[in-house]
Amino acid sequence: MILARRIILFAGFGVLALPFHSLAQSAEEILVAAIQDGNKVIYLRHAATNHEQVDTGRLGDRAGQRNLSPDGIRQAETLGRALRSLRVPLNEILSSPVFRARDTAELAFGTDEIRVTMDLVADEYAGTHLKAMIEATRRHLRTPTGPGMNRVLVGHRMPLEMVTGRQFPDSVLPEGAMAVFLPGPTPQLLGTLTAERIIKAAESRGAMRR
């Protein structure tokens, strides 16, 4: 028989134990509430891609990159609608220049709302910028956000693993999922949410706004 226990969320490079009264909510509901409150950094892995395509490492070559699949395009668009419907406050949205991340950011948030930067470039496209990318991503995770707001970093799984020193397999951070951090000198990983969980949370609260 499974006994009642605390819900455990990641925190830093250990875990965060939530009190027993939090058992009334699922871990996903707690994370949704956390990003609604603001003061978080949301690391969003790009949406679903076409895995028949191969990366060449040529940054400006769309045909030589793994791009979003039709499902990934719909996923990014719907995720953006879900975040707006949940009234998740955003004041800074940064994106990798690799097309699958840039397209995810533009589809979810709008071209005029994002800033494309080498700070979040994929490792296989970084070249001599690799060290600078790792340092910049670490800085974005550590730096506090605007009061009551969230910073969104749209990027790739491997750079996040390099920066945090922990693994994010597909079972934890699939394409389209987000890792939620509390910024600070040692950023605390509060947990991860798939795009589908966010969309379901928005749908459960009524029709999503377009």
N, C-alpha and C. Protein backbone atom coordinates (compact mmCIF):
# COMPACT_ATOMS: atom_id res chain seq x y z
N MET A 1 0.85 -1.18 0.00
CA MET A 1 0.00 0.00 0.00
C MET A 1 0.89 1.23 0.00
N ILE A 2 0.53 2.22 -0.84
CA ILE A 2 1.33 3.43 -0.93
C ILE A 2 0.88 4.39 0.17
N LEU A 3 1.81 4.83 1.00
CA LEU A 3 1.50 5.75 2.09
C LEU A 3 1.57 7.18 1.60
N ALA A 4 0.80 8.05 2.25
CA ALA A 4 0.86 9.47 1.93
C ALA A 4 2.25 9.99 2.22
N ARG A 5 2.75 10.84 1.37
CA ARG A 5 4.10 11.38 1.57
C ARG A 5 4.16 12.78 1.04
N ARG A 6 5.27 13.46 1.30
CA ARG A 6 5.45 14.80 0.80
C ARG A 6 5.66 14.77 -0.71
N ILE A 7 5.21 15.82 -1.38
CA ILE A 7 5.54 16.00 -2.79
C ILE A 7 6.94 16.56 -2.86
N ILE A 8 7.77 15.96 -3.68
CA ILE A 8 9.16 16.39 -3.80
C ILE A 8 9.36 17.08 -5.14
N LEU A 9 9.90 18.29 -5.11
CA LEU A 9 10.28 19.01 -6.31
C LEU A 9 11.78 19.24 -6.27
N PHE A 10 12.40 19.37 -7.45
CA PHE A 10 13.82 19.68 -7.51
C PHE A 10 14.07 21.06 -6.92
N ALA A 11 15.21 21.22 -6.27
CA ALA A 11 15.63 22.55 -5.80
C ALA A 11 17.14 22.60 -5.85
N GLY A 12 17.67 23.55 -6.62
CA GLY A 12 19.12 23.61 -6.82
C GLY A 12 19.59 22.31 -7.42
N PHE A 13 20.56 21.66 -6.77
CA PHE A 13 21.02 20.38 -7.26
C PHE A 13 20.60 19.28 -6.29
N GLY A 14 19.64 19.62 -5.41
CA GLY A 14 19.05 18.63 -4.51
C GLY A 14 17.56 18.60 -4.72
N VAL A 15 16.77 18.54 -3.65
CA VAL A 15 15.33 18.51 -3.80
C VAL A 15 14.71 19.48 -2.81
N LEU A 16 13.48 19.86 -3.11
CA LEU A 16 12.71 20.73 -2.24
C LEU A 16 11.52 19.94 -1.73
N ALA A 17 11.39 19.78 -0.43
CA ALA A 17 10.28 19.04 0.16
C ALA A 17 9.16 20.01 0.51
N LEU A 18 7.99 19.81 -0.08
CA LEU A 18 6.87 20.67 0.19
C LEU A 18 6.10 20.14 1.39
N PRO A 19 5.45 21.01 2.18
CA PRO A 19 4.73 20.58 3.37
C PRO A 19 3.52 19.73 3.02
N PHE A 20 3.04 18.99 4.03
CA PHE A 20 1.95 18.06 3.81
C PHE A 20 0.69 18.73 3.28
N HIS A 21 0.46 20.01 3.65
CA HIS A 21 -0.78 20.63 3.20
C HIS A 21 -0.79 20.84 1.69
N SER A 22 0.39 20.74 1.04
CA SER A 22 0.45 20.90 -0.42
C SER A 22 -0.05 19.67 -1.15
N LEU A 23 -0.31 18.57 -0.43
CA LEU A 23 -0.76 17.35 -1.07
C LEU A 23 -2.09 17.52 -1.78
N ALA A 24 -2.86 18.55 -1.41
CA ALA A 24 -4.13 18.79 -2.07
C ALA A 24 -3.93 19.19 -3.52
N GLN A 25 -2.75 19.65 -3.87
CA GLN A 25 -2.43 20.05 -5.22
C GLN A 25 -1.38 19.10 -5.79
N SER A 26 -1.42 18.91 -7.10
CA SER A 26 -0.39 18.11 -7.75
C SER A 26 0.86 18.97 -7.91
N ALA A 27 1.98 18.30 -8.15
CA ALA A 27 3.24 19.02 -8.39
C ALA A 27 3.09 19.97 -9.57
N GLU A 28 2.36 19.54 -10.62
CA GLU A 28 2.17 20.38 -11.80
C GLU A 28 1.36 21.64 -11.45
N GLU A 29 0.32 21.48 -10.64
CA GLU A 29 -0.49 22.64 -10.24
C GLU A 29 0.33 23.63 -9.43
N ILE A 30 1.21 23.12 -8.58
CA ILE A 30 2.06 23.99 -7.77
C ILE A 30 3.01 24.78 -8.67
N LEU A 31 3.56 24.13 -9.68
CA LEU A 31 4.47 24.83 -10.59
C LEU A 31 3.74 25.86 -11.44
N VAL A 32 2.53 25.54 -11.88
CA VAL A 32 1.74 26.51 -12.63
C VAL A 32 1.50 27.74 -11.76
N ALA A 33 1.12 27.53 -10.52
CA ALA A 33 0.91 28.65 -9.59
C ALA A 33 2.20 29.44 -9.40
N ALA A 34 3.33 28.75 -9.37
CA ALA A 34 4.62 29.42 -9.16
C ALA A 34 4.94 30.38 -10.30
N ILE A 35 4.71 29.97 -11.54
CA ILE A 35 5.01 30.87 -12.66
C ILE A 35 3.95 31.96 -12.78
N GLN A 36 2.74 31.70 -12.31
CA GLN A 36 1.74 32.76 -12.27
C GLN A 36 2.12 33.84 -11.27
N ASP A 37 2.80 33.47 -10.21
CA ASP A 37 3.25 34.43 -9.20
C ASP A 37 4.41 35.28 -9.69
N GLY A 38 5.15 34.80 -10.68
CA GLY A 38 6.28 35.55 -11.20
C GLY A 38 7.56 35.31 -10.41
N ASN A 39 8.58 36.10 -10.71
CA ASN A 39 9.90 36.01 -10.06
C ASN A 39 10.60 34.69 -10.35
N LYS A 40 10.32 34.09 -11.50
CA LYS A 40 10.94 32.83 -11.90
C LYS A 40 11.67 33.00 -13.23
N VAL A 41 12.57 32.08 -13.50
CA VAL A 41 13.19 31.97 -14.83
C VAL A 41 12.68 30.67 -15.43
N ILE A 42 12.08 30.78 -16.60
CA ILE A 42 11.51 29.62 -17.29
C ILE A 42 12.43 29.27 -18.45
N TYR A 43 13.07 28.10 -18.36
CA TYR A 43 13.92 27.64 -19.46
C TYR A 43 13.06 26.72 -20.32
N LEU A 44 12.68 27.21 -21.49
CA LEU A 44 11.78 26.48 -22.39
C LEU A 44 12.59 25.79 -23.48
N ARG A 45 12.53 24.47 -23.49
CA ARG A 45 13.16 23.73 -24.58
C ARG A 45 12.30 23.90 -25.83
N HIS A 46 12.94 24.05 -26.98
CA HIS A 46 12.21 24.23 -28.23
C HIS A 46 11.14 23.16 -28.42
N ALA A 47 10.14 23.46 -29.23
CA ALA A 47 9.02 22.54 -29.47
C ALA A 47 9.47 21.34 -30.31
N ALA A 48 8.53 20.44 -30.55
CA ALA A 48 8.82 19.16 -31.22
C ALA A 48 9.42 19.38 -32.61
N THR A 49 10.41 18.56 -32.96
CA THR A 49 11.15 18.72 -34.21
C THR A 49 11.01 17.51 -35.12
N ASN A 50 11.47 17.71 -36.36
CA ASN A 50 11.53 16.64 -37.35
C ASN A 50 12.87 15.93 -37.21
N HIS A 51 12.86 14.74 -36.62
CA HIS A 51 14.12 14.05 -36.32
C HIS A 51 14.72 13.35 -37.55
N GLU A 52 14.07 13.46 -38.69
CA GLU A 52 14.66 12.96 -39.93
C GLU A 52 15.67 13.97 -40.47
N GLN A 53 15.60 15.20 -40.00
CA GLN A 53 16.54 16.22 -40.43
C GLN A 53 17.80 16.16 -39.56
N VAL A 54 18.92 16.55 -40.14
CA VAL A 54 20.22 16.46 -39.45
C VAL A 54 20.83 17.84 -39.31
N ASP A 55 21.38 18.12 -38.13
CA ASP A 55 22.06 19.39 -37.90
C ASP A 55 23.43 19.41 -38.55
N THR A 56 23.74 20.50 -39.22
CA THR A 56 25.04 20.66 -39.88
C THR A 56 25.98 21.54 -39.07
N GLY A 57 25.43 22.32 -38.13
CA GLY A 57 26.25 23.28 -37.40
C GLY A 57 26.38 24.61 -38.11
N ARG A 58 25.68 24.76 -39.24
CA ARG A 58 25.69 26.04 -39.97
C ARG A 58 24.53 26.88 -39.46
N LEU A 59 24.84 27.95 -38.75
CA LEU A 59 23.84 28.69 -38.00
C LEU A 59 22.75 29.30 -38.86
N GLY A 60 23.09 29.88 -40.00
CA GLY A 60 22.08 30.56 -40.82
C GLY A 60 21.42 29.68 -41.86
N ASP A 61 21.69 28.40 -41.85
CA ASP A 61 21.22 27.48 -42.90
C ASP A 61 20.02 26.69 -42.38
N ARG A 62 18.80 27.16 -42.72
CA ARG A 62 17.60 26.46 -42.23
C ARG A 62 17.54 25.04 -42.77
N ALA A 63 17.88 24.85 -44.03
CA ALA A 63 17.81 23.51 -44.62
C ALA A 63 18.80 22.56 -43.99
N GLY A 64 19.83 23.10 -43.34
CA GLY A 64 20.84 22.27 -42.71
C GLY A 64 20.65 22.14 -41.20
N GLN A 65 19.41 22.36 -40.75
CA GLN A 65 19.12 22.25 -39.32
C GLN A 65 17.90 21.34 -39.10
N ARG A 66 17.79 20.84 -37.87
CA ARG A 66 16.58 20.11 -37.47
C ARG A 66 15.53 21.14 -37.09
N ASN A 67 14.46 21.18 -37.85
CA ASN A 67 13.44 22.20 -37.68
C ASN A 67 12.20 21.65 -36.98
N LEU A 68 11.29 22.57 -36.62
CA LEU A 68 10.04 22.15 -36.01
C LEU A 68 9.23 21.29 -36.98
N SER A 69 8.60 20.28 -36.47
CA SER A 69 7.67 19.47 -37.24
C SER A 69 6.31 20.18 -37.25
N PRO A 70 5.37 19.74 -38.09
CA PRO A 70 4.02 20.32 -38.02
C PRO A 70 3.43 20.25 -36.62
N ASP A 71 3.66 19.13 -35.93
CA ASP A 71 3.18 19.01 -34.54
C ASP A 71 3.87 20.03 -33.64
N GLY A 72 5.16 20.27 -33.89
CA GLY A 72 5.89 21.24 -33.09
C GLY A 72 5.40 22.66 -33.30
N ILE A 73 5.03 22.98 -34.53
CA ILE A 73 4.47 24.31 -34.82
C ILE A 73 3.17 24.51 -34.05
N ARG A 74 2.30 23.51 -34.10
CA ARG A 74 1.04 23.60 -33.36
C ARG A 74 1.29 23.64 -31.85
N GLN A 75 2.27 22.87 -31.39
CA GLN A 75 2.60 22.84 -29.96
C GLN A 75 3.04 24.22 -29.48
N ALA A 76 3.93 24.87 -30.24
CA ALA A 76 4.43 26.19 -29.84
C ALA A 76 3.31 27.22 -29.82
N GLU A 77 2.47 27.21 -30.85
CA GLU A 77 1.36 28.16 -30.91
C GLU A 77 0.41 27.97 -29.73
N THR A 78 0.06 26.71 -29.46
CA THR A 78 -0.89 26.42 -28.39
C THR A 78 -0.30 26.70 -27.03
N LEU A 79 0.99 26.43 -26.86
CA LEU A 79 1.64 26.72 -25.59
C LEU A 79 1.60 28.22 -25.30
N GLY A 80 1.86 29.03 -26.30
CA GLY A 80 1.79 30.48 -26.11
C GLY A 80 0.40 30.93 -25.71
N ARG A 81 -0.62 30.39 -26.36
CA ARG A 81 -2.00 30.72 -26.00
C ARG A 81 -2.30 30.30 -24.57
N ALA A 82 -1.80 29.14 -24.18
CA ALA A 82 -2.04 28.63 -22.83
C ALA A 82 -1.41 29.55 -21.78
N LEU A 83 -0.18 29.97 -22.00
CA LEU A 83 0.49 30.85 -21.04
C LEU A 83 -0.22 32.19 -20.93
N ARG A 84 -0.73 32.70 -22.05
CA ARG A 84 -1.48 33.95 -22.00
C ARG A 84 -2.79 33.75 -21.24
N SER A 85 -3.45 32.63 -21.47
CA SER A 85 -4.72 32.37 -20.79
C SER A 85 -4.53 32.21 -19.30
N LEU A 86 -3.40 31.65 -18.91
CA LEU A 86 -3.08 31.49 -17.49
C LEU A 86 -2.55 32.77 -16.87
N ARG A 87 -2.38 33.80 -17.70
CA ARG A 87 -1.89 35.10 -17.25
C ARG A 87 -0.54 34.99 -16.56
N VAL A 88 0.33 34.22 -17.19
CA VAL A 88 1.70 34.12 -16.69
C VAL A 88 2.44 35.39 -17.08
N PRO A 89 2.94 36.16 -16.12
CA PRO A 89 3.57 37.45 -16.43
C PRO A 89 4.98 37.28 -16.99
N LEU A 90 5.24 37.92 -18.11
CA LEU A 90 6.54 37.82 -18.78
C LEU A 90 7.06 39.22 -19.06
N ASN A 91 8.32 39.45 -18.77
CA ASN A 91 8.89 40.76 -19.08
C ASN A 91 10.14 40.67 -19.94
N GLU A 92 10.65 39.47 -20.17
CA GLU A 92 11.86 39.31 -20.96
C GLU A 92 11.84 37.92 -21.58
N ILE A 93 11.91 37.86 -22.90
CA ILE A 93 11.89 36.58 -23.61
C ILE A 93 13.10 36.54 -24.53
N LEU A 94 14.03 35.65 -24.23
CA LEU A 94 15.26 35.51 -25.00
C LEU A 94 15.23 34.18 -25.74
N SER A 95 15.82 34.15 -26.93
CA SER A 95 15.80 32.92 -27.72
C SER A 95 17.14 32.65 -28.38
N SER A 96 17.45 31.37 -28.47
CA SER A 96 18.58 30.92 -29.29
C SER A 96 18.32 31.29 -30.75
N PRO A 97 19.38 31.55 -31.52
CA PRO A 97 19.21 31.85 -32.94
C PRO A 97 18.99 30.61 -33.81
N VAL A 98 19.18 29.41 -33.26
CA VAL A 98 18.92 28.19 -34.03
C VAL A 98 17.43 28.15 -34.35
N PHE A 99 17.09 27.82 -35.58
CA PHE A 99 15.72 28.04 -36.06
C PHE A 99 14.65 27.33 -35.24
N ARG A 100 14.91 26.13 -34.73
CA ARG A 100 13.86 25.43 -33.99
C ARG A 100 13.50 26.16 -32.70
N ALA A 101 14.49 26.82 -32.09
CA ALA A 101 14.22 27.60 -30.88
C ALA A 101 13.61 28.95 -31.25
N ARG A 102 14.19 29.60 -32.24
CA ARG A 102 13.67 30.90 -32.66
C ARG A 102 12.22 30.79 -33.14
N ASP A 103 11.93 29.77 -33.92
CA ASP A 103 10.56 29.58 -34.40
C ASP A 103 9.61 29.32 -33.24
N THR A 104 10.06 28.52 -32.26
CA THR A 104 9.23 28.26 -31.08
C THR A 104 8.89 29.57 -30.38
N ALA A 105 9.89 30.41 -30.17
CA ALA A 105 9.68 31.68 -29.47
C ALA A 105 8.75 32.60 -30.25
N GLU A 106 8.96 32.69 -31.56
CA GLU A 106 8.13 33.57 -32.37
C GLU A 106 6.69 33.09 -32.44
N LEU A 107 6.49 31.79 -32.57
CA LEU A 107 5.14 31.24 -32.65
C LEU A 107 4.41 31.37 -31.32
N ALA A 108 5.12 31.18 -30.23
CA ALA A 108 4.50 31.21 -28.91
C ALA A 108 4.26 32.64 -28.42
N PHE A 109 5.20 33.55 -28.68
CA PHE A 109 5.16 34.86 -28.03
C PHE A 109 5.07 36.04 -28.99
N GLY A 110 5.38 35.82 -30.26
CA GLY A 110 5.36 36.91 -31.22
C GLY A 110 6.75 37.44 -31.51
N THR A 111 7.01 37.70 -32.78
CA THR A 111 8.35 38.13 -33.21
C THR A 111 8.81 39.39 -32.48
N ASP A 112 7.91 40.33 -32.29
CA ASP A 112 8.28 41.60 -31.67
C ASP A 112 8.53 41.50 -30.17
N GLU A 113 8.17 40.37 -29.57
CA GLU A 113 8.28 40.23 -28.12
C GLU A 113 9.56 39.53 -27.68
N ILE A 114 10.35 39.03 -28.62
CA ILE A 114 11.51 38.22 -28.25
C ILE A 114 12.81 38.91 -28.66
N ARG A 115 13.89 38.50 -28.02
CA ARG A 115 15.24 38.94 -28.40
C ARG A 115 16.08 37.71 -28.70
N VAL A 116 16.56 37.62 -29.91
CA VAL A 116 17.38 36.49 -30.33
C VAL A 116 18.83 36.78 -29.94
N THR A 117 19.48 35.81 -29.28
CA THR A 117 20.82 36.06 -28.76
C THR A 117 21.68 34.80 -28.77
N MET A 118 22.94 34.98 -29.04
CA MET A 118 23.90 33.88 -28.98
C MET A 118 24.10 33.38 -27.55
N ASP A 119 23.57 34.11 -26.57
CA ASP A 119 23.66 33.66 -25.18
C ASP A 119 23.05 32.28 -24.99
N LEU A 120 22.10 31.89 -25.86
CA LEU A 120 21.36 30.64 -25.70
C LEU A 120 21.57 29.68 -26.86
N VAL A 121 22.56 29.93 -27.69
CA VAL A 121 22.78 29.11 -28.88
C VAL A 121 23.05 27.64 -28.51
N ALA A 122 22.62 26.72 -29.37
CA ALA A 122 22.88 25.30 -29.15
C ALA A 122 24.38 25.03 -29.19
N ASP A 123 24.82 24.06 -28.39
CA ASP A 123 26.25 23.80 -28.26
C ASP A 123 26.90 23.46 -29.59
N GLU A 124 26.19 22.68 -30.45
CA GLU A 124 26.80 22.27 -31.71
C GLU A 124 26.88 23.42 -32.72
N TYR A 125 26.24 24.56 -32.40
CA TYR A 125 26.30 25.73 -33.26
C TYR A 125 27.12 26.85 -32.64
N ALA A 126 27.63 26.63 -31.43
CA ALA A 126 28.30 27.70 -30.69
C ALA A 126 29.69 28.01 -31.20
N GLY A 127 30.41 26.98 -31.66
CA GLY A 127 31.78 27.20 -32.11
C GLY A 127 32.64 27.78 -31.00
N THR A 128 33.36 28.86 -31.31
CA THR A 128 34.23 29.49 -30.32
C THR A 128 33.44 30.25 -29.26
N HIS A 129 32.13 30.33 -29.43
CA HIS A 129 31.27 31.06 -28.48
C HIS A 129 30.77 30.16 -27.36
N LEU A 130 31.21 28.89 -27.33
CA LEU A 130 30.66 27.93 -26.38
C LEU A 130 30.81 28.39 -24.93
N LYS A 131 32.02 28.78 -24.54
CA LYS A 131 32.25 29.21 -23.16
C LYS A 131 31.41 30.43 -22.81
N ALA A 132 31.33 31.37 -23.74
CA ALA A 132 30.55 32.58 -23.50
C ALA A 132 29.06 32.24 -23.37
N MET A 133 28.59 31.27 -24.16
CA MET A 133 27.19 30.85 -24.07
C MET A 133 26.89 30.26 -22.70
N ILE A 134 27.76 29.41 -22.21
CA ILE A 134 27.55 28.78 -20.90
C ILE A 134 27.52 29.84 -19.80
N GLU A 135 28.46 30.78 -19.86
CA GLU A 135 28.51 31.84 -18.84
C GLU A 135 27.27 32.73 -18.91
N ALA A 136 26.81 33.03 -20.14
CA ALA A 136 25.65 33.90 -20.30
C ALA A 136 24.37 33.21 -19.82
N THR A 137 24.22 31.93 -20.16
CA THR A 137 23.04 31.20 -19.71
C THR A 137 23.01 31.12 -18.19
N ARG A 138 24.16 30.86 -17.60
CA ARG A 138 24.25 30.82 -16.13
C ARG A 138 23.85 32.17 -15.54
N ARG A 139 24.28 33.25 -16.15
CA ARG A 139 23.93 34.59 -15.66
C ARG A 139 22.43 34.85 -15.75
N HIS A 140 21.82 34.42 -16.84
CA HIS A 140 20.37 34.61 -17.00
C HIS A 140 19.58 33.80 -15.98
N LEU A 141 20.09 32.65 -15.59
CA LEU A 141 19.42 31.84 -14.57
C LEU A 141 19.58 32.45 -13.18
N ARG A 142 20.67 33.15 -12.96
CA ARG A 142 20.96 33.70 -11.63
C ARG A 142 20.32 35.07 -11.40
N THR A 143 20.20 35.87 -12.47
CA THR A 143 19.77 37.25 -12.32
C THR A 143 18.28 37.35 -11.98
N PRO A 144 17.92 38.08 -10.92
CA PRO A 144 16.50 38.25 -10.58
C PRO A 144 15.72 38.87 -11.72
N THR A 145 14.45 38.53 -11.80
CA THR A 145 13.57 39.08 -12.82
C THR A 145 12.98 40.39 -12.32
N GLY A 146 12.20 41.05 -13.17
CA GLY A 146 11.47 42.21 -12.70
C GLY A 146 10.44 41.79 -11.66
N PRO A 147 10.05 42.69 -10.76
CA PRO A 147 9.10 42.33 -9.70
C PRO A 147 7.82 41.71 -10.26
N GLY A 148 7.52 40.51 -9.79
CA GLY A 148 6.30 39.83 -10.21
C GLY A 148 6.31 39.34 -11.64
N MET A 149 7.47 39.33 -12.28
CA MET A 149 7.55 38.94 -13.69
C MET A 149 8.40 37.67 -13.83
N ASN A 150 8.42 37.12 -15.04
CA ASN A 150 9.23 35.95 -15.35
C ASN A 150 10.13 36.23 -16.54
N ARG A 151 11.30 35.62 -16.54
CA ARG A 151 12.18 35.64 -17.71
C ARG A 151 12.05 34.29 -18.41
N VAL A 152 11.90 34.30 -19.73
CA VAL A 152 11.81 33.07 -20.51
C VAL A 152 13.06 32.93 -21.35
N LEU A 153 13.70 31.79 -21.27
CA LEU A 153 14.87 31.46 -22.08
C LEU A 153 14.48 30.31 -23.00
N VAL A 154 14.41 30.55 -24.29
CA VAL A 154 14.02 29.51 -25.23
C VAL A 154 15.29 28.94 -25.85
N GLY A 155 15.58 27.70 -25.50
CA GLY A 155 16.85 27.14 -25.93
C GLY A 155 16.83 25.65 -26.12
N HIS A 156 17.92 25.00 -25.69
CA HIS A 156 18.18 23.60 -26.02
C HIS A 156 18.57 22.84 -24.75
N ARG A 157 18.37 21.56 -24.80
CA ARG A 157 18.59 20.73 -23.62
C ARG A 157 20.06 20.65 -23.20
N MET A 158 20.95 20.40 -24.13
CA MET A 158 22.35 20.18 -23.77
C MET A 158 23.00 21.39 -23.09
N PRO A 159 22.80 22.62 -23.58
CA PRO A 159 23.36 23.76 -22.85
C PRO A 159 22.85 23.85 -21.41
N LEU A 160 21.58 23.53 -21.20
CA LEU A 160 21.04 23.57 -19.83
C LEU A 160 21.74 22.54 -18.96
N GLU A 161 22.03 21.36 -19.52
CA GLU A 161 22.75 20.34 -18.76
C GLU A 161 24.16 20.81 -18.44
N MET A 162 24.81 21.47 -19.40
CA MET A 162 26.16 21.98 -19.19
C MET A 162 26.19 23.00 -18.05
N VAL A 163 25.21 23.88 -18.03
CA VAL A 163 25.17 24.97 -17.07
C VAL A 163 24.84 24.47 -15.66
N THR A 164 23.88 23.56 -15.56
CA THR A 164 23.41 23.11 -14.25
C THR A 164 24.17 21.91 -13.71
N GLY A 165 24.87 21.19 -14.59
CA GLY A 165 25.59 20.00 -14.15
C GLY A 165 24.68 18.83 -13.83
N ARG A 166 23.47 18.84 -14.37
CA ARG A 166 22.55 17.73 -14.16
C ARG A 166 21.93 17.33 -15.48
N GLN A 167 21.40 16.14 -15.55
CA GLN A 167 20.83 15.61 -16.78
C GLN A 167 19.35 15.94 -16.89
N PHE A 168 18.92 16.21 -18.10
CA PHE A 168 17.52 16.45 -18.40
C PHE A 168 17.10 15.54 -19.56
N PRO A 169 16.91 14.25 -19.29
CA PRO A 169 16.52 13.34 -20.37
C PRO A 169 15.13 13.68 -20.90
N ASP A 170 14.78 13.08 -22.02
CA ASP A 170 13.47 13.35 -22.61
C ASP A 170 12.33 13.01 -21.66
N SER A 171 12.55 12.08 -20.76
CA SER A 171 11.51 11.72 -19.80
C SER A 171 11.26 12.83 -18.79
N VAL A 172 12.23 13.74 -18.64
CA VAL A 172 12.12 14.86 -17.70
C VAL A 172 11.84 16.17 -18.43
N LEU A 173 12.54 16.41 -19.54
CA LEU A 173 12.40 17.65 -20.29
C LEU A 173 12.27 17.33 -21.78
N PRO A 174 11.11 16.82 -22.21
CA PRO A 174 10.91 16.55 -23.63
C PRO A 174 10.83 17.86 -24.42
N GLU A 175 10.84 17.76 -25.72
CA GLU A 175 10.71 18.96 -26.55
C GLU A 175 9.41 19.68 -26.20
N GLY A 176 9.49 20.99 -26.04
CA GLY A 176 8.33 21.79 -25.69
C GLY A 176 8.12 21.95 -24.20
N ALA A 177 8.94 21.30 -23.37
CA ALA A 177 8.78 21.38 -21.92
C ALA A 177 9.61 22.54 -21.36
N MET A 178 9.29 22.91 -20.12
CA MET A 178 10.00 23.99 -19.46
C MET A 178 10.54 23.55 -18.11
N ALA A 179 11.71 24.06 -17.77
CA ALA A 179 12.29 23.89 -16.44
C ALA A 179 12.13 25.22 -15.73
N VAL A 180 11.56 25.19 -14.53
CA VAL A 180 11.25 26.40 -13.79
C VAL A 180 12.28 26.61 -12.68
N PHE A 181 12.93 27.77 -12.70
CA PHE A 181 13.98 28.07 -11.73
C PHE A 181 13.60 29.28 -10.88
N LEU A 182 14.02 29.25 -9.63
CA LEU A 182 14.02 30.42 -8.77
C LEU A 182 15.42 31.03 -8.89
N PRO A 183 15.54 32.23 -9.47
CA PRO A 183 16.88 32.78 -9.71
C PRO A 183 17.58 33.16 -8.41
N GLY A 184 18.89 33.16 -8.48
CA GLY A 184 19.72 33.52 -7.34
C GLY A 184 21.14 33.04 -7.57
N PRO A 185 22.06 33.30 -6.64
CA PRO A 185 23.45 32.86 -6.80
C PRO A 185 23.55 31.38 -7.13
N THR A 186 22.68 30.56 -6.51
CA THR A 186 22.56 29.15 -6.87
C THR A 186 21.12 28.93 -7.30
N PRO A 187 20.82 29.00 -8.59
CA PRO A 187 19.43 28.89 -9.03
C PRO A 187 18.79 27.58 -8.55
N GLN A 188 17.57 27.67 -8.06
CA GLN A 188 16.85 26.49 -7.59
C GLN A 188 15.92 25.98 -8.68
N LEU A 189 16.09 24.73 -9.06
CA LEU A 189 15.19 24.11 -10.02
C LEU A 189 13.96 23.63 -9.26
N LEU A 190 12.83 24.27 -9.51
CA LEU A 190 11.59 23.93 -8.81
C LEU A 190 10.90 22.72 -9.43
N GLY A 191 11.16 22.45 -10.69
CA GLY A 191 10.56 21.30 -11.36
C GLY A 191 10.42 21.56 -12.84
N THR A 192 9.80 20.64 -13.54
CA THR A 192 9.59 20.76 -14.98
C THR A 192 8.13 20.56 -15.33
N LEU A 193 7.71 21.18 -16.42
CA LEU A 193 6.34 21.07 -16.92
C LEU A 193 6.38 20.82 -18.41
N THR A 194 5.66 19.83 -18.89
CA THR A 194 5.56 19.63 -20.32
C THR A 194 4.59 20.64 -20.91
N ALA A 195 4.71 20.85 -22.22
CA ALA A 195 3.77 21.74 -22.90
C ALA A 195 2.34 21.24 -22.72
N GLU A 196 2.16 19.93 -22.78
CA GLU A 196 0.83 19.36 -22.65
C GLU A 196 0.22 19.64 -21.28
N ARG A 197 1.05 19.63 -20.23
CA ARG A 197 0.55 19.93 -18.88
C ARG A 197 0.10 21.38 -18.78
N ILE A 198 0.87 22.29 -19.36
CA ILE A 198 0.50 23.70 -19.34
C ILE A 198 -0.80 23.91 -20.11
N ILE A 199 -0.89 23.29 -21.28
CA ILE A 199 -2.10 23.44 -22.10
C ILE A 199 -3.31 22.87 -21.38
N LYS A 200 -3.14 21.72 -20.75
CA LYS A 200 -4.24 21.11 -19.99
C LYS A 200 -4.68 22.01 -18.84
N ALA A 201 -3.71 22.62 -18.16
CA ALA A 201 -4.04 23.52 -17.06
C ALA A 201 -4.86 24.72 -17.54
N ALA A 202 -4.49 25.24 -18.71
CA ALA A 202 -5.24 26.37 -19.26
C ALA A 202 -6.65 25.95 -19.68
N GLU A 203 -6.74 24.79 -20.32
CA GLU A 203 -8.04 24.29 -20.76
C GLU A 203 -8.97 24.01 -19.60
N SER A 204 -8.41 23.55 -18.48
CA SER A 204 -9.24 23.21 -17.32
C SER A 204 -9.83 24.47 -16.67
N ARG A 205 -9.26 25.63 -17.01
CA ARG A 205 -9.76 26.89 -16.44
C ARG A 205 -10.69 27.62 -17.41
N GLY A 206 -11.07 26.98 -18.51
CA GLY A 206 -11.95 27.60 -19.48
C GLY A 206 -11.28 27.72 -20.83
N ALA A 207 -12.02 28.25 -21.79
CA ALA A 207 -11.51 28.37 -23.15
C ALA A 207 -10.28 29.27 -23.20
N MET A 208 -9.28 28.85 -23.94
CA MET A 208 -8.05 29.62 -24.04
C MET A 208 -8.26 30.78 -25.01
N ARG A 209 -7.66 31.93 -24.65
CA ARG A 209 -7.73 33.09 -25.53
C ARG A 209 -6.79 32.89 -26.71
N ARG A 210 -7.17 33.43 -27.83
CA ARG A 210 -6.29 33.38 -29.01
C ARG A 210 -5.41 34.61 -29.09
